[in-house]
Amino acid sequence: MRKKDRYAVDAVALLSYFADKLKSKGHEIFLKAENNQLDIVVPSIVIGETIYIIKKGKEVFGKQIEEEKIDVILKTIYESVNFHVIDLNLSGWNTFLKSEIIGLHDRMIVATCVQEEVDGLISCDDNIIESGEISTYW
């Protein structure tokens, strides 16, 4: 039995957190993680998406994140006892195969959530939300 609640994040949620643009429930979840009250699961694909978004200069809710922040983000995740980068295992890939979600990355994120039995996913992604395959918070 786990001791703490666990929530996963997608790349937009992770970047929004580091850019101070996260809204209500998602912000509350991150604050609880900062206070050691819960854990944040970061699917490994989210790390790749995060780096890609920053390197391409894409905006997250009207804010572009400087490339120098990549090291800060990775260091924060690495040094935190409450952030856990998780890869898909064979069970997760089986969940991936059964998913109805169209997008590769979204499907990998949700499969990681199911594999890790998280309490929910911090995401505003319509494809994930509409799938109903995981509880989402924003």
Protein backbone atom coordinates (compact mmCIF):
# COMPACT_ATOMS: atom_id res chain seq x y z
CA MET A 1 0.00 0.00 0.00
CA ARG A 2 1.33 3.44 -0.94
CA LYS A 3 1.86 6.09 1.64
CA LYS A 4 1.17 9.19 -0.49
CA ASP A 5 -1.19 10.11 -3.30
CA ARG A 6 0.42 10.22 -6.73
CA TYR A 7 -0.47 12.40 -9.70
CA ALA A 8 1.08 12.40 -13.15
CA VAL A 9 1.77 15.39 -15.38
CA ASP A 10 1.87 16.01 -19.10
CA ALA A 11 4.35 18.41 -20.72
CA VAL A 12 1.98 21.40 -20.77
CA ALA A 13 1.25 20.96 -17.07
CA LEU A 14 4.93 20.62 -16.23
CA LEU A 15 5.88 23.70 -18.24
CA SER A 16 2.93 25.64 -16.83
CA TYR A 17 4.11 24.80 -13.33
CA PHE A 18 7.64 26.05 -14.04
CA ALA A 19 6.25 29.16 -15.77
CA ASP A 20 3.83 29.90 -12.88
CA LYS A 21 0.87 29.59 -15.23
CA LEU A 22 -0.85 26.56 -13.70
CA LYS A 23 -4.44 26.94 -12.58
CA SER A 24 -6.35 26.00 -9.41
CA LYS A 25 -6.40 22.21 -8.87
CA GLY A 26 -3.18 21.54 -10.77
CA HIS A 27 -1.41 24.29 -8.84
CA GLU A 28 -2.75 22.86 -5.57
CA ILE A 29 -1.40 19.41 -6.45
CA PHE A 30 2.08 20.79 -7.17
CA LEU A 31 2.04 22.76 -3.90
CA LYS A 32 1.26 19.57 -2.01
CA ALA A 33 4.18 17.86 -3.77
CA GLU A 34 6.46 20.75 -2.77
CA ASN A 35 5.32 20.18 0.83
CA ASN A 36 6.05 16.43 0.63
CA GLN A 37 2.34 15.52 0.82
CA LEU A 38 2.17 13.68 -2.51
CA ASP A 39 4.31 12.46 -5.40
CA ILE A 40 4.42 13.62 -9.01
CA VAL A 41 4.90 10.97 -11.69
CA VAL A 42 6.58 12.30 -14.81
CA PRO A 43 6.20 9.90 -17.73
CA SER A 44 9.58 9.81 -19.51
CA ILE A 45 7.96 10.94 -22.78
CA VAL A 46 7.01 14.17 -20.95
CA ILE A 47 10.69 14.97 -20.46
CA GLY A 48 11.24 14.66 -24.21
CA GLU A 49 8.17 16.74 -25.03
CA THR A 50 9.19 19.42 -22.52
CA ILE A 51 12.68 19.75 -24.01
CA TYR A 52 11.23 19.80 -27.54
CA ILE A 53 8.69 22.52 -26.72
CA ILE A 54 11.35 24.73 -25.15
CA LYS A 55 13.92 24.16 -27.93
CA LYS A 56 11.32 24.98 -30.60
CA GLY A 57 10.43 28.23 -28.81
CA LYS A 58 6.77 27.30 -28.51
CA GLU A 59 4.66 29.28 -26.08
CA VAL A 60 2.79 27.77 -23.16
CA PHE A 61 -0.28 29.90 -22.40
CA GLY A 62 1.36 32.96 -23.91
CA LYS A 63 4.73 32.50 -22.25
CA GLN A 64 7.87 31.31 -23.99
CA ILE A 65 10.33 29.50 -21.74
CA GLU A 66 14.04 30.23 -22.21
CA GLU A 67 16.33 27.33 -23.18
CA GLU A 68 18.36 27.90 -20.01
CA LYS A 69 15.35 26.64 -18.05
CA ILE A 70 15.85 23.10 -19.40
CA ASP A 71 18.72 22.53 -16.97
CA VAL A 72 16.71 24.06 -14.11
CA ILE A 73 13.71 21.84 -14.87
CA LEU A 74 15.79 18.66 -15.16
CA LYS A 75 17.77 19.48 -12.02
CA THR A 76 14.61 20.21 -10.04
CA ILE A 77 13.05 16.92 -11.09
CA TYR A 78 16.26 14.98 -10.45
CA GLU A 79 16.87 16.46 -7.00
CA SER A 80 13.28 16.27 -5.77
CA VAL A 81 12.19 13.32 -3.68
CA ASN A 82 8.62 13.90 -4.88
CA PHE A 83 9.16 13.87 -8.66
CA HIS A 84 9.60 10.44 -10.26
CA VAL A 85 10.44 9.95 -13.95
CA ILE A 86 8.84 6.70 -15.06
CA ASP A 87 9.29 4.59 -18.20
CA LEU A 88 6.67 2.26 -19.59
CA ASN A 89 7.18 -1.42 -18.74
CA LEU A 90 5.61 -4.36 -20.62
CA SER A 91 2.36 -4.04 -18.68
CA GLY A 92 2.24 -0.36 -19.58
CA TRP A 93 2.81 -1.12 -23.25
CA ASN A 94 -0.11 -3.57 -23.13
CA THR A 95 -2.25 -0.76 -21.74
CA PHE A 96 -0.93 1.44 -24.55
CA LEU A 97 -2.14 -1.12 -27.12
CA LYS A 98 -5.66 -1.14 -25.66
CA SER A 99 -6.02 2.64 -25.45
CA GLU A 100 -8.45 4.46 -27.74
CA ILE A 101 -6.43 7.70 -27.66
CA ILE A 102 -5.16 8.69 -31.11
CA GLY A 103 -1.93 10.58 -30.31
CA LEU A 104 1.22 8.58 -29.63
CA HIS A 105 2.48 10.81 -26.80
CA ASP A 106 -0.92 11.15 -25.15
CA ARG A 107 -1.41 7.40 -25.30
CA MET A 108 2.03 6.84 -23.71
CA ILE A 109 1.24 9.31 -20.92
CA VAL A 110 -2.09 7.68 -20.11
CA ALA A 111 -0.55 4.18 -20.26
CA THR A 112 2.09 5.33 -17.76
CA CYS A 113 -0.66 6.68 -15.51
CA VAL A 114 -2.51 3.36 -15.57
CA GLN A 115 0.71 1.39 -15.07
CA GLU A 116 1.63 3.50 -12.03
CA GLU A 117 -1.93 3.58 -10.66
CA VAL A 118 -1.87 7.34 -10.20
CA ASP A 119 -4.77 9.20 -8.65
CA GLY A 120 -5.07 11.44 -11.68
CA LEU A 121 -3.29 13.36 -14.43
CA ILE A 122 -2.68 17.10 -14.46
CA SER A 123 -3.59 17.93 -18.05
CA CYS A 124 -5.78 20.19 -20.15
CA ASP A 125 -5.37 18.01 -23.25
CA ASP A 126 -8.79 17.52 -24.88
CA ASN A 127 -7.87 14.12 -26.37
CA ILE A 128 -6.95 12.77 -22.96
CA ILE A 129 -9.89 14.38 -21.16
CA GLU A 130 -12.46 13.20 -23.72
CA SER A 131 -11.08 9.64 -23.69
CA GLY A 132 -12.18 9.17 -20.08
CA GLU A 133 -9.31 6.70 -19.63
CA ILE A 134 -7.85 8.65 -16.68
CA SER A 135 -9.14 11.27 -14.26
CA THR A 136 -7.75 14.68 -15.18
CA TYR A 137 -7.23 17.87 -13.23
CA TRP A 138 -6.29 21.34 -14.29
